[in-house]
């Protein structure tokens, strides 16, 4: 990705013409403020406050993939900006990694319908990872994030916002434990390691996926599903990342039948970590073992 900044922005970027011919988007916005106030709007603002995701003077690139999560996130940021309790700037950034013309058109049409003034740029990520056999999804995600950071920085942004939600968080916790032999979570915000001064934030952190689906269905909206060329060409058995996440979704669904609190318990498990009962842990890349301090402090059995 060393040539990212050398590309000619004027040649590869444009802003969509989002002239809206009706007031449909006003009804969508009203549904956020009224019908879905408790399940979506209040959880969005709670996440913003609780994790200190938006500060005065921020310029945030809201990254839109074309799916329901990121499109709703864009509308939520528009609503937050309208209240203007925190002075900040926002732009809506769409990267086309190699979508088919139909998928690209769907994103643009939905943005126009929802009155979201998107800025679009092209990349060749799908072509770059299409023939990669080992971990293409991981590589694709890393490359996408790098492109988004780079473009956001070119526009003077100090943060990028991604549309991961509550269910993504708890699924990631279990996937790490069961398939990665590690205890970790998807953080609500992160400092970029490769783009100095940039941060990644996840403002949908407390919003349930079912609430997002309900909002989409209530408003009769149809968004882009996974449009990755790799997953379209592969069977689910060969797409381990997708199939493993589906396995985890089903596992949580089954556990919830016996324990209705299981989802909340998974989420809070990474908030209630007792280091006194952890055999080993890593901090800033350095591994610490309980034997390092064993005998120096008194632990109850």
C-alpha atoms as a PDB file:
ATOM      1  CA  UNK A   1       0.000   0.000   0.000  1.00  0.00           C
ATOM      2  CA  UNK A   2       3.032   2.254  -0.308  1.00  0.00           C
ATOM      3  CA  UNK A   3       1.591   4.034  -3.359  1.00  0.00           C
ATOM      4  CA  UNK A   4      -1.720   5.005  -1.744  1.00  0.00           C
ATOM      5  CA  UNK A   5      -0.847   8.652  -1.204  1.00  0.00           C
ATOM      6  CA  UNK A   6       0.632   9.018  -4.693  1.00  0.00           C
ATOM      7  CA  UNK A   7      -2.711   8.404  -6.412  1.00  0.00           C
ATOM      8  CA  UNK A   8      -4.457  11.322  -8.023  1.00  0.00           C
ATOM      9  CA  UNK A   9      -7.458  12.072  -5.859  1.00  0.00           C
ATOM     10  CA  UNK A  10      -9.174  14.158  -8.529  1.00  0.00           C
ATOM     11  CA  UNK A  11      -9.131  11.210 -10.915  1.00  0.00           C
ATOM     12  CA  UNK A  12     -10.477   8.566  -8.551  1.00  0.00           C
ATOM     13  CA  UNK A  13     -12.859  10.461  -6.271  1.00  0.00           C
ATOM     14  CA  UNK A  14     -16.168  12.152  -6.691  1.00  0.00           C
ATOM     15  CA  UNK A  15     -19.116  13.227  -4.619  1.00  0.00           C
ATOM     16  CA  UNK A  16     -22.453  11.736  -5.487  1.00  0.00           C
ATOM     17  CA  UNK A  17     -25.290  13.967  -6.616  1.00  0.00           C
ATOM     18  CA  UNK A  18     -27.665  13.382  -3.752  1.00  0.00           C
ATOM     19  CA  UNK A  19     -30.599  15.517  -4.849  1.00  0.00           C
ATOM     20  CA  UNK A  20     -33.619  13.960  -3.188  1.00  0.00           C
ATOM     21  CA  UNK A  21     -36.978  14.227  -4.945  1.00  0.00           C
ATOM     22  CA  UNK A  22     -39.169  13.322  -1.984  1.00  0.00           C
ATOM     23  CA  UNK A  23     -39.233  13.359   1.785  1.00  0.00           C
ATOM     24  CA  UNK A  24     -38.658   9.651   2.364  1.00  0.00           C
ATOM     25  CA  UNK A  25     -35.454  10.300   4.294  1.00  0.00           C
ATOM     26  CA  UNK A  26     -37.363  12.526   6.722  1.00  0.00           C
ATOM     27  CA  UNK A  27     -39.566   9.578   7.679  1.00  0.00           C
ATOM     28  CA  UNK A  28     -36.450   7.437   8.160  1.00  0.00           C
ATOM     29  CA  UNK A  29     -34.955  10.076  10.440  1.00  0.00           C
ATOM     30  CA  UNK A  30     -38.207  10.321  12.383  1.00  0.00           C
ATOM     31  CA  UNK A  31     -38.195   6.555  12.933  1.00  0.00           C
ATOM     32  CA  UNK A  32     -34.770   6.873  14.586  1.00  0.00           C
ATOM     33  CA  UNK A  33     -35.964   9.644  16.901  1.00  0.00           C
ATOM     34  CA  UNK A  34     -39.320   8.045  17.735  1.00  0.00           C
ATOM     35  CA  UNK A  35     -39.924   4.323  17.146  1.00  0.00           C
ATOM     36  CA  UNK A  36     -36.294   3.259  17.576  1.00  0.00           C
ATOM     37  CA  UNK A  37     -35.273   5.890  20.085  1.00  0.00           C
ATOM     38  CA  UNK A  38     -34.698   3.420  22.934  1.00  0.00           C
ATOM     39  CA  UNK A  39     -33.098   0.568  21.012  1.00  0.00           C
ATOM     40  CA  UNK A  40     -30.979   2.565  18.565  1.00  0.00           C
ATOM     41  CA  UNK A  41     -30.649   6.302  19.210  1.00  0.00           C
ATOM     42  CA  UNK A  42     -30.199   6.099  23.000  1.00  0.00           C
ATOM     43  CA  UNK A  43     -27.700   3.250  22.707  1.00  0.00           C
ATOM     44  CA  UNK A  44     -25.782   5.187  20.066  1.00  0.00           C
ATOM     45  CA  UNK A  45     -25.505   8.288  22.255  1.00  0.00           C
ATOM     46  CA  UNK A  46     -24.706   6.151  25.316  1.00  0.00           C
ATOM     47  CA  UNK A  47     -21.780   4.570  23.460  1.00  0.00           C
ATOM     48  CA  UNK A  48     -20.553   7.986  22.319  1.00  0.00           C
ATOM     49  CA  UNK A  49     -20.556   9.264  25.911  1.00  0.00           C
ATOM     50  CA  UNK A  50     -19.462   6.129  27.757  1.00  0.00           C
ATOM     51  CA  UNK A  51     -16.431   5.477  25.569  1.00  0.00           C
ATOM     52  CA  UNK A  52     -15.705   9.162  24.778  1.00  0.00           C
ATOM     53  CA  UNK A  53     -15.800   8.526  21.040  1.00  0.00           C
ATOM     54  CA  UNK A  54     -16.462  12.082  19.846  1.00  0.00           C
ATOM     55  CA  UNK A  55     -14.587  15.127  21.134  1.00  0.00           C
ATOM     56  CA  UNK A  56     -14.802  18.794  20.316  1.00  0.00           C
ATOM     57  CA  UNK A  57     -12.947  19.627  17.114  1.00  0.00           C
ATOM     58  CA  UNK A  58     -13.008  16.093  15.694  1.00  0.00           C
ATOM     59  CA  UNK A  59     -13.366  15.523  11.973  1.00  0.00           C
ATOM     60  CA  UNK A  60     -14.763  12.029  11.544  1.00  0.00           C
ATOM     61  CA  UNK A  61     -14.855   9.956   8.365  1.00  0.00           C
ATOM     62  CA  UNK A  62     -17.940   7.745   8.655  1.00  0.00           C
ATOM     63  CA  UNK A  63     -16.975   4.715   6.571  1.00  0.00           C
ATOM     64  CA  UNK A  64     -19.869   3.275   4.580  1.00  0.00           C
ATOM     65  CA  UNK A  65     -19.636  -0.207   3.097  1.00  0.00           C
ATOM     66  CA  UNK A  66     -23.176  -0.161   1.752  1.00  0.00           C
ATOM     67  CA  UNK A  67     -24.671  -2.519   4.324  1.00  0.00           C
ATOM     68  CA  UNK A  68     -27.397  -1.805   6.854  1.00  0.00           C
ATOM     69  CA  UNK A  69     -24.986  -1.194   9.739  1.00  0.00           C
ATOM     70  CA  UNK A  70     -22.887   1.531   8.155  1.00  0.00           C
ATOM     71  CA  UNK A  71     -25.869   3.219   6.471  1.00  0.00           C
ATOM     72  CA  UNK A  72     -27.659   3.464   9.809  1.00  0.00           C
ATOM     73  CA  UNK A  73     -24.460   4.761  11.396  1.00  0.00           C
ATOM     74  CA  UNK A  74     -24.375   7.551   8.808  1.00  0.00           C
ATOM     75  CA  UNK A  75     -27.951   8.565   9.659  1.00  0.00           C
ATOM     76  CA  UNK A  76     -27.119   8.504  13.375  1.00  0.00           C
ATOM     77  CA  UNK A  77     -24.156  10.810  12.838  1.00  0.00           C
ATOM     78  CA  UNK A  78     -26.345  13.182  10.850  1.00  0.00           C
ATOM     79  CA  UNK A  79     -28.759  13.241  13.787  1.00  0.00           C
ATOM     80  CA  UNK A  80     -25.928  13.803  16.266  1.00  0.00           C
ATOM     81  CA  UNK A  81     -24.550  16.643  14.149  1.00  0.00           C
ATOM     82  CA  UNK A  82     -28.011  18.207  13.949  1.00  0.00           C
ATOM     83  CA  UNK A  83     -28.143  18.427  17.741  1.00  0.00           C
ATOM     84  CA  UNK A  84     -24.652  19.975  17.642  1.00  0.00           C
ATOM     85  CA  UNK A  85     -23.998  19.647  21.382  1.00  0.00           C
ATOM     86  CA  UNK A  86     -20.423  18.738  20.503  1.00  0.00           C
ATOM     87  CA  UNK A  87     -18.862  20.881  17.754  1.00  0.00           C
ATOM     88  CA  UNK A  88     -17.351  18.414  15.296  1.00  0.00           C
ATOM     89  CA  UNK A  89     -17.211  17.747  11.555  1.00  0.00           C
ATOM     90  CA  UNK A  90     -18.283  14.639   9.709  1.00  0.00           C
ATOM     91  CA  UNK A  91     -17.946  13.270   6.187  1.00  0.00           C
ATOM     92  CA  UNK A  92     -19.301  10.072   4.668  1.00  0.00           C
ATOM     93  CA  UNK A  93     -16.642   8.006   2.936  1.00  0.00           C
ATOM     94  CA  UNK A  94     -17.299   5.055   0.623  1.00  0.00           C
ATOM     95  CA  UNK A  95     -14.538   2.892  -0.786  1.00  0.00           C
ATOM     96  CA  UNK A  96     -15.306   0.823  -3.859  1.00  0.00           C
ATOM     97  CA  UNK A  97     -12.870  -2.119  -3.603  1.00  0.00           C
ATOM     98  CA  UNK A  98     -14.090  -3.555  -6.884  1.00  0.00           C
ATOM     99  CA  UNK A  99     -17.855  -3.876  -6.578  1.00  0.00           C
ATOM    100  CA  UNK A 100     -19.934  -4.981  -9.529  1.00  0.00           C
ATOM    101  CA  UNK A 101     -21.751  -2.081 -11.277  1.00  0.00           C
ATOM    102  CA  UNK A 102     -25.039  -3.259  -9.762  1.00  0.00           C
ATOM    103  CA  UNK A 103     -23.673  -3.228  -6.213  1.00  0.00           C
ATOM    104  CA  UNK A 104     -22.050   0.156  -6.701  1.00  0.00           C
ATOM    105  CA  UNK A 105     -25.333   1.558  -8.005  1.00  0.00           C
ATOM    106  CA  UNK A 106     -27.231   0.145  -5.020  1.00  0.00           C
ATOM    107  CA  UNK A 107     -24.949   2.002  -2.604  1.00  0.00           C
ATOM    108  CA  UNK A 108     -25.328   5.265  -4.500  1.00  0.00           C
ATOM    109  CA  UNK A 109     -29.087   4.895  -4.798  1.00  0.00           C
ATOM    110  CA  UNK A 110     -29.507   4.187  -1.092  1.00  0.00           C
ATOM    111  CA  UNK A 111     -27.301   7.123  -0.188  1.00  0.00           C
ATOM    112  CA  UNK A 112     -29.422   9.407  -2.352  1.00  0.00           C
ATOM    113  CA  UNK A 113     -32.648   7.979  -0.941  1.00  0.00           C
ATOM    114  CA  UNK A 114     -31.403   8.540   2.609  1.00  0.00           C
ATOM    115  CA  UNK A 115     -29.937  11.971   1.843  1.00  0.00           C
ATOM    116  CA  UNK A 116     -26.401  10.953   2.764  1.00  0.00           C
ATOM    117  CA  UNK A 117     -23.796  13.022   0.833  1.00  0.00           C
ATOM    118  CA  UNK A 118     -21.216  10.299   0.218  1.00  0.00           C
ATOM    119  CA  UNK A 119     -17.721  10.721  -1.154  1.00  0.00           C
ATOM    120  CA  UNK A 120     -16.599   7.681  -3.167  1.00  0.00           C
ATOM    121  CA  UNK A 121     -13.124   6.501  -4.108  1.00  0.00           C
ATOM    122  CA  UNK A 122     -11.923   3.424  -5.979  1.00  0.00           C
ATOM    123  CA  UNK A 123      -9.374   0.788  -5.039  1.00  0.00           C
ATOM    124  CA  UNK A 124      -8.328  -2.594  -6.449  1.00  0.00           C
ATOM    125  CA  UNK A 125      -8.481  -4.584  -3.214  1.00  0.00           C
ATOM    126  CA  UNK A 126     -10.748  -7.334  -4.551  1.00  0.00           C
ATOM    127  CA  UNK A 127      -8.331  -7.960  -7.417  1.00  0.00           C
ATOM    128  CA  UNK A 128      -5.379  -7.948  -5.006  1.00  0.00           C
ATOM    129  CA  UNK A 129      -6.764 -10.607  -2.652  1.00  0.00           C
ATOM    130  CA  UNK A 130      -8.788 -12.713  -5.094  1.00  0.00           C
ATOM    131  CA  UNK A 131      -6.008 -15.254  -5.676  1.00  0.00           C
ATOM    132  CA  UNK A 132      -4.743 -15.288  -2.081  1.00  0.00           C
ATOM    133  CA  UNK A 133      -5.403 -18.734  -0.608  1.00  0.00           C
ATOM    134  CA  UNK A 134      -4.433 -18.132   3.034  1.00  0.00           C
ATOM    135  CA  UNK A 135      -6.571 -15.716   5.096  1.00  0.00           C
ATOM    136  CA  UNK A 136      -7.897 -13.573   2.207  1.00  0.00           C
ATOM    137  CA  UNK A 137     -10.606 -12.061   4.443  1.00  0.00           C
ATOM    138  CA  UNK A 138      -8.044 -10.948   7.023  1.00  0.00           C
ATOM    139  CA  UNK A 139      -5.830  -9.418   4.347  1.00  0.00           C
ATOM    140  CA  UNK A 140      -8.797  -7.732   2.680  1.00  0.00           C
ATOM    141  CA  UNK A 141      -9.914  -6.196   5.988  1.00  0.00           C
ATOM    142  CA  UNK A 142      -6.421  -4.902   6.732  1.00  0.00           C
ATOM    143  CA  UNK A 143      -6.080  -3.385   3.275  1.00  0.00           C
ATOM    144  CA  UNK A 144      -9.527  -1.789   3.419  1.00  0.00           C
ATOM    145  CA  UNK A 145      -8.741  -0.202   6.752  1.00  0.00           C
ATOM    146  CA  UNK A 146      -5.427   1.110   5.445  1.00  0.00           C
ATOM    147  CA  UNK A 147      -7.081   2.718   2.422  1.00  0.00           C
ATOM    148  CA  UNK A 148      -9.792   4.262   4.611  1.00  0.00           C
ATOM    149  CA  UNK A 149      -7.257   5.688   7.062  1.00  0.00           C
ATOM    150  CA  UNK A 150      -5.238   7.129   4.192  1.00  0.00           C
ATOM    151  CA  UNK A 151      -8.194   8.768   2.443  1.00  0.00           C
ATOM    152  CA  UNK A 152      -9.644  10.075   5.707  1.00  0.00           C
ATOM    153  CA  UNK A 153      -6.302  11.667   6.558  1.00  0.00           C
ATOM    154  CA  UNK A 154      -6.142  13.243   3.088  1.00  0.00           C
ATOM    155  CA  UNK A 155      -9.439  14.969   3.921  1.00  0.00           C
ATOM    156  CA  UNK A 156      -8.142  16.244   7.238  1.00  0.00           C
ATOM    157  CA  UNK A 157      -9.985  13.696   9.404  1.00  0.00           C
ATOM    158  CA  UNK A 158      -8.525  12.486  12.672  1.00  0.00           C
ATOM    159  CA  UNK A 159     -10.933   9.547  13.120  1.00  0.00           C
ATOM    160  CA  UNK A 160     -12.636   6.868  11.076  1.00  0.00           C
ATOM    161  CA  UNK A 161     -15.926   5.352  12.277  1.00  0.00           C
ATOM    162  CA  UNK A 162     -16.785   1.714  11.522  1.00  0.00           C
ATOM    163  CA  UNK A 163     -20.225   0.117  11.898  1.00  0.00           C
ATOM    164  CA  UNK A 164     -19.468  -2.863  14.138  1.00  0.00           C
ATOM    165  CA  UNK A 165     -22.274  -3.531  16.613  1.00  0.00           C
ATOM    166  CA  UNK A 166     -22.882  -5.316  19.932  1.00  0.00           C
ATOM    167  CA  UNK A 167     -23.333  -8.748  18.344  1.00  0.00           C
ATOM    168  CA  UNK A 168     -20.037  -8.374  16.475  1.00  0.00           C
ATOM    169  CA  UNK A 169     -18.384  -7.718  19.837  1.00  0.00           C
ATOM    170  CA  UNK A 170     -19.702 -10.780  21.680  1.00  0.00           C
ATOM    171  CA  UNK A 171     -19.115 -13.040  18.677  1.00  0.00           C
ATOM    172  CA  UNK A 172     -15.514 -11.823  18.491  1.00  0.00           C
ATOM    173  CA  UNK A 173     -14.988 -12.592  22.181  1.00  0.00           C
ATOM    174  CA  UNK A 174     -16.168 -16.199  21.755  1.00  0.00           C
ATOM    175  CA  UNK A 175     -14.341 -16.695  18.453  1.00  0.00           C
ATOM    176  CA  UNK A 176     -11.108 -15.602  20.107  1.00  0.00           C
ATOM    177  CA  UNK A 177     -11.572 -18.041  22.974  1.00  0.00           C
ATOM    178  CA  UNK A 178     -12.769 -21.061  20.994  1.00  0.00           C
ATOM    179  CA  UNK A 179     -10.722 -20.706  17.812  1.00  0.00           C
ATOM    180  CA  UNK A 180      -7.875 -18.363  18.743  1.00  0.00           C
ATOM    181  CA  UNK A 181      -7.034 -19.570  22.275  1.00  0.00           C
ATOM    182  CA  UNK A 182      -7.076 -15.992  23.543  1.00  0.00           C
ATOM    183  CA  UNK A 183      -9.238 -13.665  25.587  1.00  0.00           C
ATOM    184  CA  UNK A 184      -9.728 -10.341  23.838  1.00  0.00           C
ATOM    185  CA  UNK A 185     -12.483  -8.129  22.544  1.00  0.00           C
ATOM    186  CA  UNK A 186     -13.293  -5.740  19.738  1.00  0.00           C
ATOM    187  CA  UNK A 187     -12.459  -2.390  21.346  1.00  0.00           C
ATOM    188  CA  UNK A 188     -14.808   0.636  21.107  1.00  0.00           C
ATOM    189  CA  UNK A 189     -11.885   2.780  19.983  1.00  0.00           C
ATOM    190  CA  UNK A 190      -8.253   2.300  18.995  1.00  0.00           C
ATOM    191  CA  UNK A 191      -5.239   4.427  18.131  1.00  0.00           C
ATOM    192  CA  UNK A 192      -3.904   3.595  14.678  1.00  0.00           C
ATOM    193  CA  UNK A 193      -0.458   1.997  14.707  1.00  0.00           C
ATOM    194  CA  UNK A 194       0.344   2.958  11.099  1.00  0.00           C
ATOM    195  CA  UNK A 195      -1.296   6.388  10.786  1.00  0.00           C
ATOM    196  CA  UNK A 196      -0.039   8.694  13.499  1.00  0.00           C
ATOM    197  CA  UNK A 197      -2.713  10.819  15.162  1.00  0.00           C
ATOM    198  CA  UNK A 198      -5.578   8.772  13.692  1.00  0.00           C
ATOM    199  CA  UNK A 199      -8.151   6.806  15.676  1.00  0.00           C
ATOM    200  CA  UNK A 200     -10.739   4.156  14.864  1.00  0.00           C
ATOM    201  CA  UNK A 201     -14.078   4.412  16.670  1.00  0.00           C
ATOM    202  CA  UNK A 202     -17.076   2.059  16.798  1.00  0.00           C
ATOM    203  CA  UNK A 203     -20.151   4.163  17.673  1.00  0.00           C
ATOM    204  CA  UNK A 204     -22.600   1.244  17.138  1.00  0.00           C
ATOM    205  CA  UNK A 205     -20.905  -0.706  19.943  1.00  0.00           C
ATOM    206  CA  UNK A 206     -24.006  -0.998  22.157  1.00  0.00           C
ATOM    207  CA  UNK A 207     -26.622  -1.465  19.414  1.00  0.00           C
ATOM    208  CA  UNK A 208     -28.058  -4.943  18.827  1.00  0.00           C
ATOM    209  CA  UNK A 209     -28.090  -6.391  15.321  1.00  0.00           C
ATOM    210  CA  UNK A 210     -31.781  -7.282  15.617  1.00  0.00           C
ATOM    211  CA  UNK A 211     -32.573  -3.606  16.235  1.00  0.00           C
ATOM    212  CA  UNK A 212     -30.711  -2.629  13.073  1.00  0.00           C
ATOM    213  CA  UNK A 213     -32.603  -5.260  11.082  1.00  0.00           C
ATOM    214  CA  UNK A 214     -35.910  -4.053  12.538  1.00  0.00           C
ATOM    215  CA  UNK A 215     -35.120  -0.440  11.575  1.00  0.00           C
ATOM    216  CA  UNK A 216     -34.219  -1.492   8.036  1.00  0.00           C
ATOM    217  CA  UNK A 217     -37.365  -3.606   7.610  1.00  0.00           C
ATOM    218  CA  UNK A 218     -39.650  -0.986   9.148  1.00  0.00           C
ATOM    219  CA  UNK A 219     -38.482   1.567   6.578  1.00  0.00           C
ATOM    220  CA  UNK A 220     -38.555  -0.900   3.664  1.00  0.00           C
ATOM    221  CA  UNK A 221     -34.838  -0.511   3.030  1.00  0.00           C
ATOM    222  CA  UNK A 222     -32.726  -3.010   1.114  1.00  0.00           C
ATOM    223  CA  UNK A 223     -28.981  -2.749   1.537  1.00  0.00           C
ATOM    224  CA  UNK A 224     -25.915  -4.389   0.100  1.00  0.00           C
ATOM    225  CA  UNK A 225     -25.115  -7.793   1.561  1.00  0.00           C
ATOM    226  CA  UNK A 226     -21.584  -9.148   1.483  1.00  0.00           C
ATOM    227  CA  UNK A 227     -20.406  -8.265  -2.034  1.00  0.00           C
ATOM    228  CA  UNK A 228     -16.951  -9.754  -1.733  1.00  0.00           C
ATOM    229  CA  UNK A 229     -15.881 -11.438  -4.961  1.00  0.00           C
ATOM    230  CA  UNK A 230     -14.055 -14.101  -2.949  1.00  0.00           C
ATOM    231  CA  UNK A 231     -17.056 -15.258  -0.921  1.00  0.00           C
ATOM    232  CA  UNK A 232     -19.236 -15.218  -4.023  1.00  0.00           C
ATOM    233  CA  UNK A 233     -16.841 -17.642  -5.676  1.00  0.00           C
ATOM    234  CA  UNK A 234     -16.326 -19.987  -2.732  1.00  0.00           C
ATOM    235  CA  UNK A 235     -18.410 -22.473  -0.834  1.00  0.00           C
ATOM    236  CA  UNK A 236     -19.077 -21.680   2.813  1.00  0.00           C
ATOM    237  CA  UNK A 237     -16.941 -24.643   3.852  1.00  0.00           C
ATOM    238  CA  UNK A 238     -13.911 -23.002   2.269  1.00  0.00           C
ATOM    239  CA  UNK A 239     -14.639 -19.592   3.734  1.00  0.00           C
ATOM    240  CA  UNK A 240     -13.553 -20.331   7.300  1.00  0.00           C
ATOM    241  CA  UNK A 241     -13.965 -16.819   8.705  1.00  0.00           C
ATOM    242  CA  UNK A 242     -17.576 -16.534   7.574  1.00  0.00           C
ATOM    243  CA  UNK A 243     -18.539 -20.076   8.565  1.00  0.00           C
ATOM    244  CA  UNK A 244     -16.879 -19.809  11.994  1.00  0.00           C
ATOM    245  CA  UNK A 245     -18.752 -16.591  12.758  1.00  0.00           C
ATOM    246  CA  UNK A 246     -21.997 -18.272  11.713  1.00  0.00           C
ATOM    247  CA  UNK A 247     -21.177 -21.164  14.036  1.00  0.00           C
ATOM    248  CA  UNK A 248     -20.678 -18.716  16.903  1.00  0.00           C
ATOM    249  CA  UNK A 249     -23.963 -16.943  16.102  1.00  0.00           C
ATOM    250  CA  UNK A 250     -25.773 -20.253  16.292  1.00  0.00           C
ATOM    251  CA  UNK A 251     -23.966 -21.254  19.485  1.00  0.00           C
ATOM    252  CA  UNK A 252     -25.042 -18.028  21.207  1.00  0.00           C
ATOM    253  CA  UNK A 253     -28.581 -18.504  19.894  1.00  0.00           C
ATOM    254  CA  UNK A 254     -28.734 -22.004  21.390  1.00  0.00           C
ATOM    255  CA  UNK A 255     -27.265 -20.928  24.740  1.00  0.00           C
ATOM    256  CA  UNK A 256     -29.777 -18.091  24.979  1.00  0.00           C
ATOM    257  CA  UNK A 257     -32.612 -20.631  25.039  1.00  0.00           C
ATOM    258  CA  UNK A 258     -31.421 -21.830  28.457  1.00  0.00           C
ATOM    259  CA  UNK A 259     -29.936 -18.556  29.685  1.00  0.00           C
ATOM    260  CA  UNK A 260     -31.545 -15.329  28.446  1.00  0.00           C
ATOM    261  CA  UNK A 261     -28.681 -13.332  29.981  1.00  0.00           C
ATOM    262  CA  UNK A 262     -25.898 -15.117  28.116  1.00  0.00           C
ATOM    263  CA  UNK A 263     -25.253 -12.318  25.602  1.00  0.00           C
ATOM    264  CA  UNK A 264     -24.886  -9.679  28.288  1.00  0.00           C
ATOM    265  CA  UNK A 265     -22.704 -12.003  30.327  1.00  0.00           C
ATOM    266  CA  UNK A 266     -20.346 -12.539  27.394  1.00  0.00           C
ATOM    267  CA  UNK A 267     -20.131  -8.771  26.827  1.00  0.00           C
ATOM    268  CA  UNK A 268     -19.463  -7.991  30.490  1.00  0.00           C
ATOM    269  CA  UNK A 269     -16.940 -10.810  30.897  1.00  0.00           C
ATOM    270  CA  UNK A 270     -14.243  -8.605  29.363  1.00  0.00           C
ATOM    271  CA  UNK A 271     -15.184  -5.770  31.711  1.00  0.00           C
ATOM    272  CA  UNK A 272     -14.830  -7.968  34.821  1.00  0.00           C
ATOM    273  CA  UNK A 273     -11.416  -9.547  34.284  1.00  0.00           C
ATOM    274  CA  UNK A 274      -9.685 -10.436  37.562  1.00  0.00           C
ATOM    275  CA  UNK A 275      -5.936 -10.408  36.956  1.00  0.00           C
ATOM    276  CA  UNK A 276      -5.453 -12.229  40.273  1.00  0.00           C
ATOM    277  CA  UNK A 277      -7.018 -15.317  38.704  1.00  0.00           C
ATOM    278  CA  UNK A 278      -5.329 -15.110  35.284  1.00  0.00           C
ATOM    279  CA  UNK A 279      -2.409 -17.463  34.627  1.00  0.00           C
ATOM    280  CA  UNK A 280      -0.817 -15.149  32.079  1.00  0.00           C
ATOM    281  CA  UNK A 281      -1.647 -12.012  30.136  1.00  0.00           C
ATOM    282  CA  UNK A 282      -0.049  -9.646  27.645  1.00  0.00           C
ATOM    283  CA  UNK A 283       0.325  -5.898  28.138  1.00  0.00           C
ATOM    284  CA  UNK A 284       1.846  -3.762  25.357  1.00  0.00           C
ATOM    285  CA  UNK A 285       3.254  -6.899  23.757  1.00  0.00           C
ATOM    286  CA  UNK A 286       4.964  -8.109  26.950  1.00  0.00           C
ATOM    287  CA  UNK A 287       3.769 -11.367  28.490  1.00  0.00           C
ATOM    288  CA  UNK A 288       3.263 -11.482  32.256  1.00  0.00           C
ATOM    289  CA  UNK A 289       2.865 -14.712  34.262  1.00  0.00           C
ATOM    290  CA  UNK A 290       1.214 -15.176  37.655  1.00  0.00           C
ATOM    291  CA  UNK A 291       4.496 -16.684  38.893  1.00  0.00           C
ATOM    292  CA  UNK A 292       6.160 -13.278  38.468  1.00  0.00           C
ATOM    293  CA  UNK A 293       4.423 -12.065  41.619  1.00  0.00           C
ATOM    294  CA  UNK A 294       3.446 -15.367  43.240  1.00  0.00           C
ATOM    295  CA  UNK A 295       4.394 -15.370  46.917  1.00  0.00           C
ATOM    296  CA  UNK A 296       4.787 -11.603  47.002  1.00  0.00           C
ATOM    297  CA  UNK A 297       1.059 -11.093  47.498  1.00  0.00           C
ATOM    298  CA  UNK A 298      -1.581 -13.133  49.313  1.00  0.00           C
ATOM    299  CA  UNK A 299      -4.375 -14.648  47.212  1.00  0.00           C
ATOM    300  CA  UNK A 300      -7.393 -16.395  48.652  1.00  0.00           C
ATOM    301  CA  UNK A 301      -8.311 -19.820  47.272  1.00  0.00           C
END
